[in-house]
Protein backbone atom coordinates (compact mmCIF):
# COMPACT_ATOMS: atom_id res chain seq x y z
CA MET A 1 -79.00 173.90 39.90
CA GLU A 2 -75.36 174.88 39.39
CA GLU A 3 -72.88 172.02 39.80
CA THR A 4 -69.83 172.42 42.00
CA LYS A 5 -66.44 171.87 40.41
CA THR A 6 -64.60 168.68 41.37
CA ALA A 7 -62.21 168.49 38.45
CA SER A 8 -58.64 167.50 39.15
CA SER A 9 -55.94 170.11 39.01
CA ILE A 10 -53.92 171.62 36.21
CA ASP A 11 -50.30 171.94 37.25
CA GLY A 12 -51.26 171.27 40.84
CA LYS A 13 -53.80 174.09 40.81
CA SER A 14 -57.55 174.19 40.60
CA PRO A 15 -59.17 175.61 37.48
CA ALA A 16 -59.76 178.81 39.41
CA ASP A 17 -56.01 179.22 39.64
CA ILE A 18 -55.70 178.91 35.89
CA THR A 19 -58.66 181.05 34.85
CA THR A 20 -60.31 183.99 36.49
CA GLY A 21 -63.79 185.40 36.33
CA GLU A 22 -67.06 183.58 35.95
CA SER A 23 -66.93 180.72 33.45
CA SER A 24 -69.20 177.79 32.85
CA SER A 25 -66.08 175.59 32.61
CA LEU A 26 -65.59 176.02 36.35
CA ASN A 27 -68.93 174.34 37.03
CA ILE A 28 -68.20 171.12 35.15
CA GLN A 29 -68.13 168.10 37.42
CA ILE A 30 -65.89 165.14 36.59
CA ASP A 31 -65.47 162.03 38.67
CA PRO A 32 -61.74 162.18 39.59
CA GLU A 33 -61.47 158.39 39.65
CA VAL A 34 -62.85 158.12 36.10
CA GLU A 35 -60.49 160.86 34.97
CA LYS A 36 -57.51 159.11 36.54
CA ALA A 37 -58.56 155.81 34.97
CA ALA A 38 -58.67 157.46 31.54
CA LEU A 39 -55.22 158.99 31.96
CA ARG A 40 -53.83 155.64 33.14
CA LYS A 41 -55.11 154.11 29.90
CA PHE A 42 -53.22 156.73 27.90
CA ASP A 43 -50.12 155.73 29.86
CA LYS A 44 -50.87 152.09 29.10
CA TYR A 45 -51.72 152.38 25.41
CA LEU A 46 -50.37 155.68 24.09
CA LEU A 47 -46.96 155.85 25.80
CA PRO A 48 -45.75 152.44 24.53
CA VAL A 49 -46.82 153.38 21.01
CA ALA A 50 -45.05 156.73 21.31
CA PHE A 51 -41.97 154.91 22.58
CA ILE A 52 -41.93 152.55 19.60
CA PHE A 53 -42.57 155.32 17.04
CA LEU A 54 -39.87 157.53 18.52
CA LEU A 55 -37.45 154.62 18.92
CA LEU A 56 -37.86 153.50 15.31
CA SER A 57 -37.58 157.07 14.08
CA SER A 58 -34.40 157.62 16.08
CA LEU A 59 -32.89 154.34 14.87
CA ASP A 60 -33.63 155.17 11.25
CA ARG A 61 -32.23 158.67 11.68
CA THR A 62 -28.96 157.86 13.48
CA ASN A 63 -28.02 154.49 11.96
CA ILE A 64 -26.01 156.31 9.33
CA GLY A 65 -23.42 157.02 12.04
CA ASN A 66 -23.08 153.29 12.74
CA ALA A 67 -23.01 152.47 9.02
CA ARG A 68 -20.13 154.89 8.56
CA VAL A 69 -17.93 152.87 10.89
CA PHE A 70 -18.02 149.83 8.61
CA GLY A 71 -17.75 151.10 5.09
CA PHE A 72 -20.56 153.50 4.16
CA ASP A 73 -18.22 156.33 3.08
CA GLU A 74 -15.93 154.12 1.04
CA ASP A 75 -18.62 152.11 -0.74
CA ILE A 76 -20.48 155.12 -2.16
CA GLY A 77 -17.31 157.12 -2.77
CA LEU A 78 -17.66 159.94 -0.26
CA LYS A 79 -14.91 162.53 -0.07
CA SER A 80 -13.97 164.68 2.92
CA GLY A 81 -16.92 166.79 4.06
CA GLN A 82 -19.55 165.00 2.00
CA PHE A 83 -20.85 162.92 4.90
CA GLY A 84 -21.42 166.17 6.76
CA ASN A 85 -23.22 167.59 3.73
CA ILE A 86 -25.59 164.61 3.69
CA ASN A 87 -26.56 165.28 7.30
CA THR A 88 -26.84 169.02 6.70
CA LEU A 89 -29.32 168.48 3.86
CA PHE A 90 -31.22 165.95 5.97
CA PHE A 91 -31.85 168.68 8.52
CA THR A 92 -33.03 171.20 5.92
CA THR A 93 -36.14 169.16 5.14
CA PHE A 94 -36.45 168.07 8.77
CA ILE A 95 -36.70 171.72 9.81
CA VAL A 96 -39.02 172.84 7.00
CA PHE A 97 -41.64 170.13 7.61
CA GLU A 98 -41.94 170.24 11.42
CA VAL A 99 -44.60 172.96 11.56
CA PRO A 100 -46.81 171.45 8.79
CA TRP A 101 -46.75 167.98 10.39
CA VAL A 102 -47.84 169.22 13.84
CA MET A 103 -50.54 171.46 12.41
CA ALA A 104 -51.75 168.44 10.41
CA ILE A 105 -51.95 166.42 13.64
CA LYS A 106 -54.21 169.08 15.15
CA ARG A 107 -56.32 169.12 11.98
CA TRP A 108 -56.63 165.40 11.13
CA GLY A 109 -55.56 163.56 14.28
CA PRO A 110 -52.46 161.59 15.34
CA ASN A 111 -53.53 158.25 13.84
CA LYS A 112 -53.81 159.45 10.24
CA VAL A 113 -50.87 161.84 10.25
CA LEU A 114 -48.28 159.87 12.24
CA GLY A 115 -49.32 156.64 10.53
CA THR A 116 -48.59 158.22 7.16
CA ALA A 117 -45.25 159.52 8.44
CA LEU A 118 -44.25 156.03 9.61
CA VAL A 119 -44.88 154.45 6.21
CA LEU A 120 -42.90 157.18 4.47
CA PHE A 121 -39.81 157.10 6.68
CA SER A 122 -39.63 153.28 6.73
CA VAL A 123 -39.63 153.24 2.90
CA CYS A 124 -36.87 155.88 2.85
CA THR A 125 -34.75 153.84 5.26
CA ILE A 126 -35.07 150.67 3.19
CA GLY A 127 -34.21 152.65 0.07
CA THR A 128 -30.98 153.91 1.65
CA GLY A 129 -29.73 150.32 1.65
CA PHE A 130 -29.63 150.40 -2.16
CA ILE A 131 -27.95 153.73 -2.87
CA LYS A 132 -24.87 153.79 -5.10
CA ASN A 133 -23.46 157.29 -4.80
CA TYR A 134 -23.35 160.60 -2.96
CA HIS A 135 -26.26 162.19 -4.81
CA GLN A 136 -28.62 159.27 -4.16
CA ALA A 137 -27.67 159.42 -0.48
CA ILE A 138 -28.62 163.11 -0.39
CA VAL A 139 -32.02 162.48 -1.99
CA LEU A 140 -32.95 159.62 0.36
CA ARG A 141 -31.78 161.43 3.49
CA MET A 142 -33.68 164.58 2.55
CA LEU A 143 -36.84 162.54 2.02
CA LEU A 144 -36.23 160.82 5.35
CA GLY A 145 -35.90 164.21 7.06
CA ALA A 146 -39.19 165.38 5.57
CA ALA A 147 -40.98 162.18 6.67
CA GLU A 148 -39.59 162.11 10.23
CA ALA A 149 -39.94 165.82 10.95
CA GLY A 150 -43.28 165.60 12.76
CA VAL A 151 -42.67 162.57 14.95
CA SER A 152 -40.89 164.11 17.95
CA PRO A 153 -42.67 167.51 18.04
CA GLY A 154 -45.92 165.72 17.20
CA PHE A 155 -45.80 163.53 20.29
CA ALA A 156 -44.63 166.47 22.44
CA TYR A 157 -47.71 168.35 21.25
CA ILE A 158 -49.99 165.35 21.92
CA PHE A 159 -48.64 164.85 25.45
CA SER A 160 -49.02 168.54 26.27
CA THR A 161 -52.70 168.41 25.27
CA ILE A 162 -53.49 165.33 27.39
CA TYR A 163 -51.44 165.59 30.58
CA ASP A 164 -51.24 168.28 33.24
CA ARG A 165 -48.28 170.66 33.17
CA GLY A 166 -46.73 169.20 36.31
CA SER A 167 -46.46 165.71 34.82
CA THR A 168 -45.47 166.50 31.24
CA ALA A 169 -41.67 166.23 31.45
CA LYS A 170 -41.79 162.50 32.21
CA ARG A 171 -43.81 161.95 29.02
CA ILE A 172 -41.84 164.30 26.79
CA ALA A 173 -38.71 162.57 28.09
CA MET A 174 -39.92 159.65 26.00
CA GLY A 175 -38.29 161.19 22.93
CA ASN A 176 -34.85 161.27 24.46
CA ILE A 177 -35.34 157.96 26.25
CA CYS A 178 -35.80 156.59 22.76
CA ASN A 179 -32.66 158.38 21.58
CA THR A 180 -30.61 156.69 24.30
CA VAL A 181 -32.21 153.27 23.73
CA ALA A 182 -31.80 153.70 19.98
CA GLY A 183 -28.18 154.61 20.49
CA ALA A 184 -27.52 151.59 22.70
CA PHE A 185 -29.65 149.13 20.73
CA GLY A 186 -28.50 150.62 17.44
CA GLY A 187 -24.88 150.10 18.41
CA LEU A 188 -25.56 146.52 19.47
CA PHE A 189 -27.61 145.81 16.35
CA ALA A 190 -24.99 147.42 14.12
CA TYR A 191 -22.27 145.35 15.78
CA GLY A 192 -24.26 142.18 15.04
CA ILE A 193 -24.76 143.22 11.40
CA GLN A 194 -21.09 144.10 11.12
CA THR A 195 -19.99 140.64 12.26
CA MET A 196 -22.43 139.12 9.76
CA GLY A 197 -20.47 140.65 6.92
CA ALA A 198 -21.63 140.85 3.32
CA GLN A 199 -24.63 138.68 2.41
CA ARG A 200 -26.28 138.06 -0.98
CA GLY A 201 -23.97 140.52 -2.64
CA LEU A 202 -24.84 143.37 -0.28
CA ALA A 203 -22.41 144.95 2.18
CA ALA A 204 -23.22 144.73 5.89
CA TRP A 205 -24.03 148.45 6.20
CA ARG A 206 -26.68 148.06 3.48
CA TRP A 207 -28.37 145.30 5.50
CA LEU A 208 -28.40 147.68 8.47
CA PHE A 209 -30.72 150.06 6.59
CA ILE A 210 -32.80 147.36 4.92
CA ILE A 211 -33.49 145.38 8.10
CA GLU A 212 -34.15 148.43 10.28
CA GLY A 213 -36.49 149.88 7.66
CA ALA A 214 -38.41 146.62 7.37
CA VAL A 215 -38.73 146.34 11.15
CA THR A 216 -40.01 149.93 11.27
CA PHE A 217 -42.67 149.18 8.67
CA VAL A 218 -43.92 145.99 10.35
CA VAL A 219 -43.66 146.86 14.05
CA GLY A 220 -44.72 150.46 13.57
CA GLY A 221 -47.64 149.36 11.45
CA LEU A 222 -48.89 147.10 14.24
CA CYS A 223 -48.75 150.04 16.65
CA TRP A 224 -50.59 152.36 14.28
CA VAL A 225 -53.99 151.08 15.41
CA PHE A 226 -53.31 152.23 18.99
CA LEU A 227 -53.02 155.89 18.01
CA PRO A 228 -56.25 157.77 18.78
CA SER A 229 -57.81 160.30 16.45
CA SER A 230 -58.31 162.48 19.55
CA PRO A 231 -58.11 162.02 23.34
CA GLU A 232 -61.91 162.11 23.53
CA THR A 233 -62.45 159.28 21.02
CA ALA A 234 -59.65 156.81 21.89
CA TRP A 235 -61.02 153.32 21.28
CA TYR A 236 -59.53 151.89 24.48
CA LEU A 237 -61.57 154.22 26.69
CA THR A 238 -64.98 153.23 28.03
CA GLU A 239 -67.93 155.45 27.17
CA GLU A 240 -67.77 156.91 30.66
CA GLU A 241 -64.06 157.67 30.25
CA LYS A 242 -64.63 159.21 26.80
CA HIS A 243 -67.30 161.43 28.32
CA ALA A 244 -64.91 162.39 31.12
CA MET A 245 -62.22 163.36 28.59
CA ALA A 246 -64.77 165.40 26.63
CA LEU A 247 -65.80 167.20 29.81
CA ARG A 248 -62.14 167.64 30.71
CA LYS A 249 -61.54 169.32 27.38
CA GLU A 250 -64.48 171.64 27.96
CA ARG A 251 -63.37 172.37 31.50
CA ASN A 252 -59.85 173.19 30.30
CA ALA A 253 -61.08 175.31 27.39
CA ALA A 254 -59.19 178.34 28.67
CA PHE A 255 -56.01 176.23 28.74
CA ARG A 256 -56.64 174.15 25.61
CA GLY A 257 -58.70 176.46 23.41
CA GLU A 258 -61.36 175.47 20.90
CA ASP A 259 -61.20 172.93 18.08
CA GLY A 260 -59.93 174.10 14.74
CA PHE A 261 -57.16 176.60 14.09
CA ASP A 262 -57.45 180.37 14.16
CA ARG A 263 -54.77 182.08 12.06
CA LYS A 264 -54.41 184.79 14.67
CA TRP A 265 -52.24 182.42 16.71
CA ILE A 266 -49.60 182.43 13.97
CA LYS A 267 -49.19 186.18 14.36
CA ILE A 268 -49.27 185.97 18.16
CA SER A 269 -46.66 183.19 18.13
CA LEU A 270 -44.36 185.10 15.80
CA LYS A 271 -44.50 188.13 18.12
CA ASP A 272 -43.72 186.14 21.30
CA SER A 273 -40.12 186.84 22.35
CA PHE A 274 -40.07 183.78 24.64
CA VAL A 275 -40.37 181.49 21.61
CA TYR A 276 -37.25 183.06 20.08
CA VAL A 277 -35.14 183.14 23.23
CA ALA A 278 -36.05 179.53 24.03
CA GLY A 279 -35.54 178.56 20.38
CA ALA A 280 -32.07 180.09 20.42
CA ALA A 281 -31.31 178.18 23.62
CA PHE A 282 -32.57 174.98 22.04
CA PHE A 283 -30.36 175.64 19.01
CA THR A 284 -27.17 176.13 21.00
CA SER A 285 -27.76 173.08 23.19
CA SER A 286 -28.88 170.91 20.27
CA VAL A 287 -25.57 171.30 18.47
CA ALA A 288 -24.13 169.17 21.24
CA ILE A 289 -26.83 166.48 21.17
CA SER A 290 -27.12 166.38 17.36
CA GLY A 291 -23.41 165.94 16.93
CA PHE A 292 -23.23 163.52 19.83
CA SER A 293 -25.98 161.24 18.46
CA VAL A 294 -24.75 161.01 14.87
CA PHE A 295 -21.02 161.26 15.42
CA LEU A 296 -20.53 159.35 18.71
CA PRO A 297 -19.14 156.28 16.88
CA THR A 298 -16.84 158.59 14.87
CA ILE A 299 -15.68 160.39 18.02
CA ILE A 300 -14.93 157.12 19.84
CA LYS A 301 -13.11 155.75 16.80
CA GLY A 302 -11.05 158.93 16.82
CA PHE A 303 -9.69 157.99 20.25
CA GLY A 304 -7.92 155.10 18.59
CA TYR A 305 -10.27 152.19 19.30
CA LYS A 306 -10.69 149.52 16.65
CA SER A 307 -13.74 149.68 14.38
CA ILE A 308 -15.05 146.33 15.61
CA MET A 309 -15.15 147.73 19.17
CA VAL A 310 -16.66 151.13 18.45
CA ASN A 311 -20.34 150.27 18.04
CA TYR A 312 -20.66 148.21 21.21
CA MET A 313 -18.61 150.78 23.18
CA THR A 314 -21.46 153.24 22.61
CA ILE A 315 -23.91 151.02 24.54
CA PRO A 316 -22.86 151.83 28.16
CA VAL A 317 -22.64 155.53 27.25
CA TYR A 318 -26.26 155.58 26.11
CA PHE A 319 -27.38 153.51 29.09
CA PHE A 320 -25.83 156.01 31.49
CA GLY A 321 -27.54 158.82 29.60
CA LEU A 322 -30.88 157.04 30.00
CA ILE A 323 -30.53 156.70 33.78
CA SER A 324 -29.50 160.33 34.12
CA LEU A 325 -32.43 161.51 31.99
CA LEU A 326 -35.02 159.52 33.95
CA ALA A 327 -33.75 160.83 37.28
CA GLN A 328 -33.64 164.47 36.23
CA ALA A 329 -37.00 164.42 34.42
CA TYR A 330 -38.64 162.93 37.53
CA LEU A 331 -37.07 165.48 39.87
CA SER A 332 -37.89 168.35 37.53
CA ASP A 333 -41.57 167.38 37.54
CA LYS A 334 -41.58 166.79 41.29
CA LEU A 335 -39.89 170.08 42.20
CA TYR A 336 -41.53 171.89 39.28
CA LYS A 337 -38.30 173.65 38.34
CA ARG A 338 -37.06 173.77 34.75
CA ALA A 339 -34.39 176.47 34.41
CA TYR A 340 -32.34 175.25 37.39
CA PHE A 341 -32.16 171.73 36.02
CA LEU A 342 -31.32 173.00 32.54
CA ILE A 343 -28.35 174.98 33.84
CA GLY A 344 -27.21 172.06 36.00
CA ALA A 345 -27.35 169.65 33.06
CA ALA A 346 -25.20 171.96 30.92
CA VAL A 347 -22.23 171.73 33.28
CA PRO A 348 -21.19 168.11 32.51
CA VAL A 349 -21.73 168.74 28.79
CA VAL A 350 -19.28 171.63 28.77
CA ALA A 351 -16.84 169.61 30.88
CA GLY A 352 -17.11 166.60 28.57
CA TYR A 353 -16.32 168.54 25.43
CA LEU A 354 -13.45 170.40 27.11
CA ILE A 355 -11.90 167.07 28.14
CA CYS A 356 -12.07 165.97 24.50
CA VAL A 357 -10.31 169.20 23.50
CA GLY A 358 -7.71 169.10 26.27
CA THR A 359 -6.39 165.55 26.10
CA ALA A 360 -5.73 162.76 23.62
CA ASN A 361 -5.93 160.12 26.35
CA ASN A 362 -8.34 157.34 25.31
CA ALA A 363 -9.70 156.67 28.81
CA ALA A 364 -10.29 160.36 29.49
CA GLY A 365 -12.03 160.76 26.13
CA TYR A 366 -14.30 157.81 26.75
CA PHE A 367 -15.14 159.14 30.24
CA ALA A 368 -16.05 162.46 28.60
CA MET A 369 -18.68 160.66 26.52
CA PHE A 370 -20.45 159.65 29.75
CA LEU A 371 -20.42 163.27 30.92
CA LEU A 372 -21.95 164.37 27.62
CA ALA A 373 -24.65 161.70 27.82
CA SER A 374 -25.56 162.73 31.38
CA GLY A 375 -26.55 166.22 30.26
CA CYS A 376 -27.43 166.26 26.55
CA TYR A 377 -30.67 164.31 26.73
CA THR A 378 -31.86 166.01 29.91
CA ILE A 379 -31.41 169.44 28.34
CA SER A 380 -33.34 168.49 25.21
CA THR A 381 -36.21 167.03 27.24
CA LEU A 382 -36.60 169.83 29.75
CA VAL A 383 -36.31 172.73 27.35
CA VAL A 384 -39.08 171.21 25.19
CA THR A 385 -41.21 170.61 28.30
CA TRP A 386 -40.64 174.17 29.47
CA VAL A 387 -41.81 175.62 26.17
CA ALA A 388 -44.69 173.19 25.52
CA THR A 389 -46.26 173.80 28.93
CA ASN A 390 -45.90 177.58 28.73
CA LEU A 391 -47.79 177.96 25.46
CA ILE A 392 -51.59 178.11 25.42
CA PRO A 393 -54.05 177.47 23.91
CA ASP A 394 -53.56 174.48 21.57
CA GLY A 395 -53.90 176.78 18.56
CA LYS A 396 -50.79 178.70 19.60
CA ARG A 397 -49.00 175.57 20.75
CA SER A 398 -49.59 173.74 17.46
CA PHE A 399 -47.71 176.49 15.59
CA ALA A 400 -45.23 177.88 18.14
CA LEU A 401 -44.02 174.50 19.44
CA PRO A 402 -42.88 173.12 16.07
CA LEU A 403 -41.51 176.59 15.21
CA PHE A 404 -39.41 176.35 18.36
CA TYR A 405 -38.38 172.81 17.34
CA SER A 406 -37.35 174.09 13.92
CA MET A 407 -35.11 176.73 15.45
CA GLY A 408 -33.50 174.10 17.62
CA ASN A 409 -33.03 171.70 14.74
CA LEU A 410 -31.14 174.32 12.78
CA SER A 411 -28.36 172.94 14.96
CA GLY A 412 -28.21 169.97 12.62
CA LEU A 413 -26.89 172.27 9.91
CA VAL A 414 -24.00 173.16 12.22
CA SER A 415 -23.31 169.85 13.96
CA SER A 416 -23.27 167.94 10.68
CA GLN A 417 -20.26 170.03 9.62
CA LEU A 418 -18.33 169.83 12.88
CA TYR A 419 -16.70 166.45 12.38
CA PRO A 420 -15.25 166.29 8.84
CA THR A 421 -12.87 163.40 8.22
CA ASN A 422 -9.88 165.67 7.68
CA GLN A 423 -10.13 166.98 11.26
CA GLY A 424 -9.92 163.57 12.86
CA PRO A 425 -9.04 161.84 15.02
CA ARG A 426 -9.66 164.37 17.85
CA TYR A 427 -11.98 166.88 16.14
CA ILE A 428 -10.73 169.75 18.31
CA ILE A 429 -12.65 172.44 16.41
CA GLY A 430 -15.96 170.55 16.56
CA ASN A 431 -15.67 169.79 20.26
CA SER A 432 -14.60 173.37 21.05
CA VAL A 433 -17.57 174.83 19.18
CA SER A 434 -19.97 172.49 21.00
CA ALA A 435 -18.52 173.49 24.38
CA GLY A 436 -18.76 177.19 23.58
CA LEU A 437 -22.35 176.97 22.37
CA GLU A 438 -23.33 175.14 25.55
CA VAL A 439 -22.00 178.05 27.60
CA ILE A 440 -24.12 180.42 25.48
CA PHE A 441 -27.08 178.11 26.15
CA VAL A 442 -26.77 178.78 29.89
CA GLY A 443 -26.97 182.52 29.28
CA LEU A 444 -30.08 182.10 27.10
CA VAL A 445 -31.80 179.96 29.74
CA VAL A 446 -31.19 182.69 32.30
CA ALA A 447 -32.62 185.24 29.85
CA ALA A 448 -35.74 183.10 29.22
CA TRP A 449 -36.20 182.57 32.97
CA TYR A 450 -35.95 186.31 33.61
CA LEU A 451 -38.43 187.07 30.80
CA LEU A 452 -41.08 184.71 32.20
CA ARG A 453 -40.42 185.83 35.76
CA ARG A 454 -40.96 189.46 34.71
CA ARG A 455 -44.20 188.55 32.92
CA ASN A 456 -45.49 186.78 36.03
CA ALA A 457 -44.53 189.78 38.19
CA LYS A 458 -46.43 192.17 35.92
CA LYS A 459 -49.53 189.96 36.07
CA ASP A 460 -49.30 189.67 39.85
CA LYS A 461 -49.03 193.44 40.13
CA LEU A 462 -52.15 193.97 37.98
CA ILE A 463 -54.12 191.38 39.97
CA ALA A 464 -53.06 193.03 43.24
CA GLU A 465 -54.36 196.33 41.86
CA GLY A 466 -57.73 194.71 41.16
CA ALA A 467 -57.45 194.23 37.39
CA THR A 468 -59.43 191.40 35.80
CA THR A 469 -57.79 191.51 32.37
CA ASN A 470 -54.71 192.87 30.65
CA GLY A 471 -56.24 192.81 27.17
CA LEU A 472 -54.03 189.92 25.97
CA GLU A 473 -54.84 186.34 24.97
CA GLY A 474 -53.50 182.83 25.54
CA ASP A 475 -50.56 182.46 27.92
CA MET A 476 -49.99 186.23 27.78
CA ALA A 477 -53.39 186.78 29.41
CA LEU A 478 -53.70 187.80 33.04
CA ASP A 479 -55.05 184.46 34.22
CA PHE A 480 -52.08 182.28 33.20
CA LYS A 481 -48.96 181.84 35.31
CA TYR A 482 -45.73 180.76 33.61
CA SER A 483 -43.69 177.91 35.06
CA LEU A 484 -40.07 178.72 35.78
């Protein structure tokens, strides 16, 4: 006897709203309470682990900005522009390795792949504490970029394969929540290390890398065991919950796709104009956040504040950014609007950079940092959510999502050159470029919104005419509706 479908919704819709035609997946019955219990366990066990991984990764990536405030440049003999070169080369490997890491997660599972990444980037961070010159700094930062490349897109991919589309932004926000916490905690931690001074013949900035790297290795290693090899085999689920997740995967086969990777999705991804428009938008907006994260201490110091004050002055800025991010991610999920929130978040970012360009007043410049924080992290979170939830199945997502990330992270090649020492203390060119690119970002968001809206309209027209297929696959197929 055929079972009736009682599965919970995808994006607030029943499976029939996601797929059309007769499919055995529509007849799969899942106890909604068991399904909810399983998802709550992912919130309980997976989200804290993701938070710690992303936090440690962000700390290890951005601590070089704090180290610069108390002697990094001078001790290894950096000349004007070389600090920017170090960050540029960091992003070259970061960009190159994003796609391979995420595809490896799909192939071998989060526990093996992300666990390996954690060991590698903690060792690179510790090693940075012992560098002697510019060339050694380049080598260690490039290795760090290669090791960390899969962490943020990897978790975005994992979240998008577990949670429904209407609740993904709050989880993907985890990456930028960690950026704000890392910025605040990193500034506080760096301030404490700075007051400690040189110990055992090593400068304070060297201890910053050594201690943070050691903490990453130990704390991250303890969290490693909580990463599942797949949502259907997570050790903290009961057998009933594992079975429910397996059935859920089968039920959502049209949305998730089959196990393994079909090379056809590489070609399909490369031909999808939405990936490129969204990637260009991510690039323009990420110049602002990349520069903001690494160079915030430098920017604040440029306003004339003393070095001893700079690191702890970053803390309230990051805290304000955190509150703003949480509020906007929640509302975006609740109202199920992405483009509107992205455009709204760009406004304070443009205003913040223009204030930095227009006045040398310390108070105004510091206020501008709060404006930047209120929009930068929200933009990064929502644009990733928008793309991740509009790409199906997992085969396409596992390639197109990190490809999109790589396009966005090309921004690091630009932002790392925007604040050379010889343009201090106000960095007018860097702040002007960031403001201009944010305006371009708004135009690209409108273009992406129009593209998806037109695709939805074409599908609606075909359905109204009685069509059952448009001959396309994945999210381009007739039975998938893009979120706007």
